PDB file of all heavy atoms in Angstrom:
ATOM      1  N   TYR A   1     182.453  76.774 254.803  1.00  0.00           N
ATOM      2  CA  TYR A   1     182.524  75.767 255.860  1.00  0.00           C
ATOM      3  C   TYR A   1     183.916  75.812 256.469  1.00  0.00           C
ATOM      4  O   TYR A   1     184.898  76.129 255.786  1.00  0.00           O
ATOM      5  CB  TYR A   1     182.238  74.365 255.309  1.00  0.00           C
ATOM      6  CG  TYR A   1     180.835  74.235 254.779  1.00  0.00           C
ATOM      7  CD1 TYR A   1     180.554  74.518 253.442  1.00  0.00           C
ATOM      8  CD2 TYR A   1     179.792  73.860 255.611  1.00  0.00           C
ATOM      9  CE1 TYR A   1     179.265  74.424 252.952  1.00  0.00           C
ATOM     10  CE2 TYR A   1     178.492  73.766 255.129  1.00  0.00           C
ATOM     11  CZ  TYR A   1     178.232  74.048 253.803  1.00  0.00           C
ATOM     12  OH  TYR A   1     176.952  73.962 253.326  1.00  0.00           O
ATOM     13  N   CYS A   2     184.007  75.484 257.728  1.00  0.00           N
ATOM     14  CA  CYS A   2     185.285  75.497 258.422  1.00  0.00           C
ATOM     15  C   CYS A   2     186.174  74.374 257.894  1.00  0.00           C
ATOM     16  O   CYS A   2     185.756  73.211 257.880  1.00  0.00           O
ATOM     17  CB  CYS A   2     185.070  75.333 259.929  1.00  0.00           C
ATOM     18  SG  CYS A   2     186.619  75.297 260.856  1.00  0.00           S
ATOM     19  N   PRO A   3     187.413  74.702 257.465  1.00  0.00           N
ATOM     20  CA  PRO A   3     188.313  73.657 256.979  1.00  0.00           C
ATOM     21  C   PRO A   3     188.842  72.768 258.109  1.00  0.00           C
ATOM     22  O   PRO A   3     189.413  71.715 257.844  1.00  0.00           O
ATOM     23  CB  PRO A   3     189.448  74.447 256.325  1.00  0.00           C
ATOM     24  CG  PRO A   3     189.439  75.761 257.009  1.00  0.00           C
ATOM     25  CD  PRO A   3     188.011  76.031 257.375  1.00  0.00           C
ATOM     26  N   HIS A   4     188.645  73.173 259.358  1.00  0.00           N
ATOM     27  CA  HIS A   4     189.126  72.408 260.504  1.00  0.00           C
ATOM     28  C   HIS A   4     188.099  71.389 260.998  1.00  0.00           C
ATOM     29  O   HIS A   4     188.435  70.239 261.256  1.00  0.00           O
ATOM     30  CB  HIS A   4     189.517  73.341 261.657  1.00  0.00           C
ATOM     31  CG  HIS A   4     190.480  74.404 261.247  1.00  0.00           C
ATOM     32  ND1 HIS A   4     191.792  74.154 260.926  1.00  0.00           N
ATOM     33  CD2 HIS A   4     190.297  75.740 261.077  1.00  0.00           C
ATOM     34  CE1 HIS A   4     192.388  75.292 260.582  1.00  0.00           C
ATOM     35  NE2 HIS A   4     191.499  76.262 260.655  1.00  0.00           N
ATOM     36  N   CYS A   5     186.828  71.833 261.116  1.00  0.00           N
ATOM     37  CA  CYS A   5     185.804  70.948 261.691  1.00  0.00           C
ATOM     38  C   CYS A   5     184.640  70.661 260.752  1.00  0.00           C
ATOM     39  O   CYS A   5     183.848  69.758 261.000  1.00  0.00           O
ATOM     40  CB  CYS A   5     185.275  71.527 263.002  1.00  0.00           C
ATOM     41  SG  CYS A   5     184.229  72.998 262.786  1.00  0.00           S
ATOM     42  N   GLY A   6     184.508  71.433 259.671  1.00  0.00           N
ATOM     43  CA  GLY A   6     183.446  71.194 258.704  1.00  0.00           C
ATOM     44  C   GLY A   6     182.138  71.920 258.983  1.00  0.00           C
ATOM     45  O   GLY A   6     181.206  71.833 258.187  1.00  0.00           O
ATOM     46  N   ASN A   7     182.036  72.633 260.096  1.00  0.00           N
ATOM     47  CA  ASN A   7     180.795  73.358 260.416  1.00  0.00           C
ATOM     48  C   ASN A   7     180.562  74.510 259.453  1.00  0.00           C
ATOM     49  O   ASN A   7     181.501  75.118 258.946  1.00  0.00           O
ATOM     50  CB  ASN A   7     180.854  73.921 261.841  1.00  0.00           C
ATOM     51  CG  ASN A   7     180.536  72.886 262.897  1.00  0.00           C
ATOM     52  OD1 ASN A   7     180.252  71.732 262.586  1.00  0.00           O
ATOM     53  ND2 ASN A   7     180.595  73.300 264.140  1.00  0.00           N
ATOM     54  N   LYS A   8     179.265  74.806 259.216  1.00  0.00           N
ATOM     55  CA  LYS A   8     178.898  75.961 258.395  1.00  0.00           C
ATOM     56  C   LYS A   8     179.290  77.217 259.153  1.00  0.00           C
ATOM     57  O   LYS A   8     179.112  77.316 260.357  1.00  0.00           O
ATOM     58  CB  LYS A   8     177.394  75.951 258.105  1.00  0.00           C
ATOM     59  CG  LYS A   8     176.929  77.114 257.252  1.00  0.00           C
ATOM     60  CD  LYS A   8     176.049  76.642 256.128  1.00  0.00           C
ATOM     61  CE  LYS A   8     175.507  77.795 255.319  1.00  0.00           C
ATOM     62  NZ  LYS A   8     176.426  78.264 254.315  1.00  0.00           N
ATOM     63  N   LEU A   9     179.868  78.161 258.438  1.00  0.00           N
ATOM     64  CA  LEU A   9     180.343  79.395 259.051  1.00  0.00           C
ATOM     65  C   LEU A   9     179.230  80.424 259.164  1.00  0.00           C
ATOM     66  O   LEU A   9     178.278  80.413 258.377  1.00  0.00           O
ATOM     67  CB  LEU A   9     181.485  79.975 258.226  1.00  0.00           C
ATOM     68  CG  LEU A   9     182.686  79.061 258.016  1.00  0.00           C
ATOM     69  CD1 LEU A   9     183.691  79.716 257.084  1.00  0.00           C
ATOM     70  CD2 LEU A   9     183.334  78.701 259.340  1.00  0.00           C
ATOM     71  N   ILE A  10     179.351  81.301 260.135  1.00  0.00           N
ATOM     72  CA  ILE A  10     178.467  82.446 260.275  1.00  0.00           C
ATOM     73  C   ILE A  10     179.266  83.690 259.895  1.00  0.00           C
ATOM     74  O   ILE A  10     180.478  83.634 259.729  1.00  0.00           O
ATOM     75  CB  ILE A  10     177.925  82.572 261.726  1.00  0.00           C
ATOM     76  CG1 ILE A  10     179.083  82.856 262.694  1.00  0.00           C
ATOM     77  CG2 ILE A  10     177.143  81.334 262.124  1.00  0.00           C
ATOM     78  CD1 ILE A  10     178.653  83.385 264.052  1.00  0.00           C
ATOM     79  N   LYS A  11     178.591  84.812 259.761  1.00  0.00           N
ATOM     80  CA  LYS A  11     179.275  86.085 259.562  1.00  0.00           C
ATOM     81  C   LYS A  11     179.372  86.752 260.930  1.00  0.00           C
ATOM     82  O   LYS A  11     178.383  86.866 261.646  1.00  0.00           O
ATOM     83  CB  LYS A  11     178.509  86.990 258.598  1.00  0.00           C
ATOM     84  CG  LYS A  11     178.457  86.477 257.182  1.00  0.00           C
ATOM     85  CD  LYS A  11     179.784  86.666 256.504  1.00  0.00           C
ATOM     86  CE  LYS A  11     179.684  86.301 255.026  1.00  0.00           C
ATOM     87  NZ  LYS A  11     180.906  86.479 254.312  1.00  0.00           N
ATOM     88  N   LYS A  12     180.588  87.169 261.304  1.00  0.00           N
ATOM     89  CA  LYS A  12     180.804  87.814 262.586  1.00  0.00           C
ATOM     90  C   LYS A  12     181.628  89.072 262.354  1.00  0.00           C
ATOM     91  O   LYS A  12     182.603  89.050 261.597  1.00  0.00           O
ATOM     92  CB  LYS A  12     181.544  86.875 263.541  1.00  0.00           C
ATOM     93  CG  LYS A  12     181.794  87.476 264.912  1.00  0.00           C
ATOM     94  CD  LYS A  12     182.454  86.482 265.848  1.00  0.00           C
ATOM     95  CE  LYS A  12     182.691  87.127 267.211  1.00  0.00           C
ATOM     96  NZ  LYS A  12     183.338  86.199 268.126  1.00  0.00           N
ATOM     97  N   GLU A  13     181.241  90.161 263.011  1.00  0.00           N
ATOM     98  CA  GLU A  13     181.982  91.398 262.869  1.00  0.00           C
ATOM     99  C   GLU A  13     183.304  91.280 263.625  1.00  0.00           C
ATOM    100  O   GLU A  13     183.333  90.973 264.813  1.00  0.00           O
ATOM    101  CB  GLU A  13     181.172  92.583 263.383  1.00  0.00           C
ATOM    102  CG  GLU A  13     181.772  93.898 262.978  1.00  0.00           C
ATOM    103  CD  GLU A  13     180.823  95.077 263.166  1.00  0.00           C
ATOM    104  OE1 GLU A  13     179.764  94.914 263.781  1.00  0.00           O
ATOM    105  OE2 GLU A  13     181.162  96.160 262.672  1.00  0.00           O
ATOM    106  N   ILE A  14     184.397  91.514 262.897  1.00  0.00           N
ATOM    107  CA  ILE A  14     185.742  91.398 263.460  1.00  0.00           C
ATOM    108  C   ILE A  14     186.438  92.755 263.322  1.00  0.00           C
ATOM    109  O   ILE A  14     186.951  93.101 262.256  1.00  0.00           O
ATOM    110  CB  ILE A  14     186.583  90.320 262.728  1.00  0.00           C
ATOM    111  CG1 ILE A  14     185.856  88.993 262.638  1.00  0.00           C
ATOM    112  CG2 ILE A  14     187.970  90.192 263.364  1.00  0.00           C
ATOM    113  CD1 ILE A  14     185.757  88.217 263.937  1.00  0.00           C
ATOM    114  N   GLY A  15     186.447  93.540 264.379  1.00  0.00           N
ATOM    115  CA  GLY A  15     187.138  94.833 264.388  1.00  0.00           C
ATOM    116  C   GLY A  15     186.841  95.677 263.176  1.00  0.00           C
ATOM    117  O   GLY A  15     185.678  95.803 262.761  1.00  0.00           O
ATOM    118  N   ASP A  16     187.875  96.252 262.600  1.00  0.00           N
ATOM    119  CA  ASP A  16     187.730  97.119 261.426  1.00  0.00           C
ATOM    120  C   ASP A  16     187.514  96.344 260.132  1.00  0.00           C
ATOM    121  O   ASP A  16     187.284  96.932 259.084  1.00  0.00           O
ATOM    122  CB  ASP A  16     188.995  97.984 261.250  1.00  0.00           C
ATOM    123  CG  ASP A  16     189.179  98.976 262.378  1.00  0.00           C
ATOM    124  OD1 ASP A  16     188.192  99.306 263.051  1.00  0.00           O
ATOM    125  OD2 ASP A  16     190.324  99.419 262.576  1.00  0.00           O
ATOM    126  N   GLU A  17     187.622  95.022 260.189  1.00  0.00           N
ATOM    127  CA  GLU A  17     187.515  94.189 258.989  1.00  0.00           C
ATOM    128  C   GLU A  17     186.073  94.020 258.510  1.00  0.00           C
ATOM    129  O   GLU A  17     185.839  93.580 257.392  1.00  0.00           O
ATOM    130  CB  GLU A  17     188.129  92.805 259.242  1.00  0.00           C
ATOM    131  CG  GLU A  17     189.584  92.840 259.638  1.00  0.00           C
ATOM    132  CD  GLU A  17     190.480  93.456 258.577  1.00  0.00           C
ATOM    133  OE1 GLU A  17     190.250  93.226 257.385  1.00  0.00           O
ATOM    134  OE2 GLU A  17     191.423  94.169 258.960  1.00  0.00           O
ATOM    135  N   GLY A  18     185.111  94.308 259.348  1.00  0.00           N
ATOM    136  CA  GLY A  18     183.710  94.114 258.993  1.00  0.00           C
ATOM    137  C   GLY A  18     183.282  92.688 259.293  1.00  0.00           C
ATOM    138  O   GLY A  18     183.846  92.022 260.168  1.00  0.00           O
ATOM    139  N   PHE A  19     182.273  92.213 258.557  1.00  0.00           N
ATOM    140  CA  PHE A  19     181.747  90.872 258.795  1.00  0.00           C
ATOM    141  C   PHE A  19     182.589  89.840 258.047  1.00  0.00           C
ATOM    142  O   PHE A  19     182.746  89.916 256.830  1.00  0.00           O
ATOM    143  CB  PHE A  19     180.271  90.791 258.395  1.00  0.00           C
ATOM    144  CG  PHE A  19     179.383  91.497 259.374  1.00  0.00           C
ATOM    145  CD1 PHE A  19     179.076  92.845 259.223  1.00  0.00           C
ATOM    146  CD2 PHE A  19     178.884  90.813 260.470  1.00  0.00           C
ATOM    147  CE1 PHE A  19     178.275  93.498 260.149  1.00  0.00           C
ATOM    148  CE2 PHE A  19     178.081  91.455 261.400  1.00  0.00           C
ATOM    149  CZ  PHE A  19     177.782  92.802 261.240  1.00  0.00           C
ATOM    150  N   ILE A  20     183.117  88.896 258.797  1.00  0.00           N
ATOM    151  CA  ILE A  20     184.047  87.881 258.295  1.00  0.00           C
ATOM    152  C   ILE A  20     183.450  86.497 258.554  1.00  0.00           C
ATOM    153  O   ILE A  20     182.816  86.278 259.595  1.00  0.00           O
ATOM    154  CB  ILE A  20     185.394  87.986 259.066  1.00  0.00           C
ATOM    155  CG1 ILE A  20     186.004  89.384 258.910  1.00  0.00           C
ATOM    156  CG2 ILE A  20     186.388  86.913 258.618  1.00  0.00           C
ATOM    157  CD1 ILE A  20     186.388  89.761 257.517  1.00  0.00           C
ATOM    158  N   PRO A  21     183.645  85.538 257.629  1.00  0.00           N
ATOM    159  CA  PRO A  21     183.229  84.165 257.929  1.00  0.00           C
ATOM    160  C   PRO A  21     183.909  83.703 259.230  1.00  0.00           C
ATOM    161  O   PRO A  21     185.113  83.908 259.413  1.00  0.00           O
ATOM    162  CB  PRO A  21     183.725  83.361 256.725  1.00  0.00           C
ATOM    163  CG  PRO A  21     183.838  84.367 255.624  1.00  0.00           C
ATOM    164  CD  PRO A  21     184.245  85.646 256.296  1.00  0.00           C
ATOM    165  N   PHE A  22     183.114  83.081 260.113  1.00  0.00           N
ATOM    166  CA  PHE A  22     183.607  82.728 261.447  1.00  0.00           C
ATOM    167  C   PHE A  22     183.069  81.361 261.846  1.00  0.00           C
ATOM    168  O   PHE A  22     181.900  81.056 261.639  1.00  0.00           O
ATOM    169  CB  PHE A  22     183.127  83.782 262.458  1.00  0.00           C
ATOM    170  CG  PHE A  22     183.698  83.619 263.829  1.00  0.00           C
ATOM    171  CD1 PHE A  22     184.926  84.176 264.154  1.00  0.00           C
ATOM    172  CD2 PHE A  22     183.017  82.915 264.807  1.00  0.00           C
ATOM    173  CE1 PHE A  22     185.461  84.030 265.425  1.00  0.00           C
ATOM    174  CE2 PHE A  22     183.534  82.761 266.082  1.00  0.00           C
ATOM    175  CZ  PHE A  22     184.766  83.322 266.389  1.00  0.00           C
ATOM    176  N   CYS A  23     183.941  80.528 262.421  1.00  0.00           N
ATOM    177  CA  CYS A  23     183.517  79.222 262.919  1.00  0.00           C
ATOM    178  C   CYS A  23     183.283  79.339 264.418  1.00  0.00           C
ATOM    179  O   CYS A  23     184.220  79.574 265.187  1.00  0.00           O
ATOM    180  CB  CYS A  23     184.576  78.152 262.635  1.00  0.00           C
ATOM    181  SG  CYS A  23     184.096  76.527 263.277  1.00  0.00           S
ATOM    182  N   GLU A  24     182.029  79.154 264.823  1.00  0.00           N
ATOM    183  CA  GLU A  24     181.688  79.229 266.253  1.00  0.00           C
ATOM    184  C   GLU A  24     182.283  78.048 267.010  1.00  0.00           C
ATOM    185  O   GLU A  24     182.669  78.193 268.170  1.00  0.00           O
ATOM    186  CB  GLU A  24     180.166  79.256 266.430  1.00  0.00           C
ATOM    187  CG  GLU A  24     179.533  80.529 265.915  1.00  0.00           C
ATOM    188  CD  GLU A  24     178.024  80.532 266.057  1.00  0.00           C
ATOM    189  OE1 GLU A  24     177.373  79.665 265.419  1.00  0.00           O
ATOM    190  OE2 GLU A  24     177.511  81.385 266.806  1.00  0.00           O
ATOM    191  N   ASN A  25     182.371  76.895 266.366  1.00  0.00           N
ATOM    192  CA  ASN A  25     182.909  75.703 267.024  1.00  0.00           C
ATOM    193  C   ASN A  25     184.409  75.849 267.330  1.00  0.00           C
ATOM    194  O   ASN A  25     184.863  75.538 268.429  1.00  0.00           O
ATOM    195  CB  ASN A  25     182.663  74.462 266.152  1.00  0.00           C
ATOM    196  CG  ASN A  25     183.085  73.185 266.834  1.00  0.00           C
ATOM    197  OD1 ASN A  25     182.680  72.898 267.950  1.00  0.00           O
ATOM    198  ND2 ASN A  25     183.920  72.413 266.157  1.00  0.00           N
TER     199      ASN A  25
END
């Protein structure tokens, strides 16, 4: 969960790092 807003995170591909937890909000 996002420590800033509390939303459940999704997995998003971030460059060479692969899929990273990501807050859409």
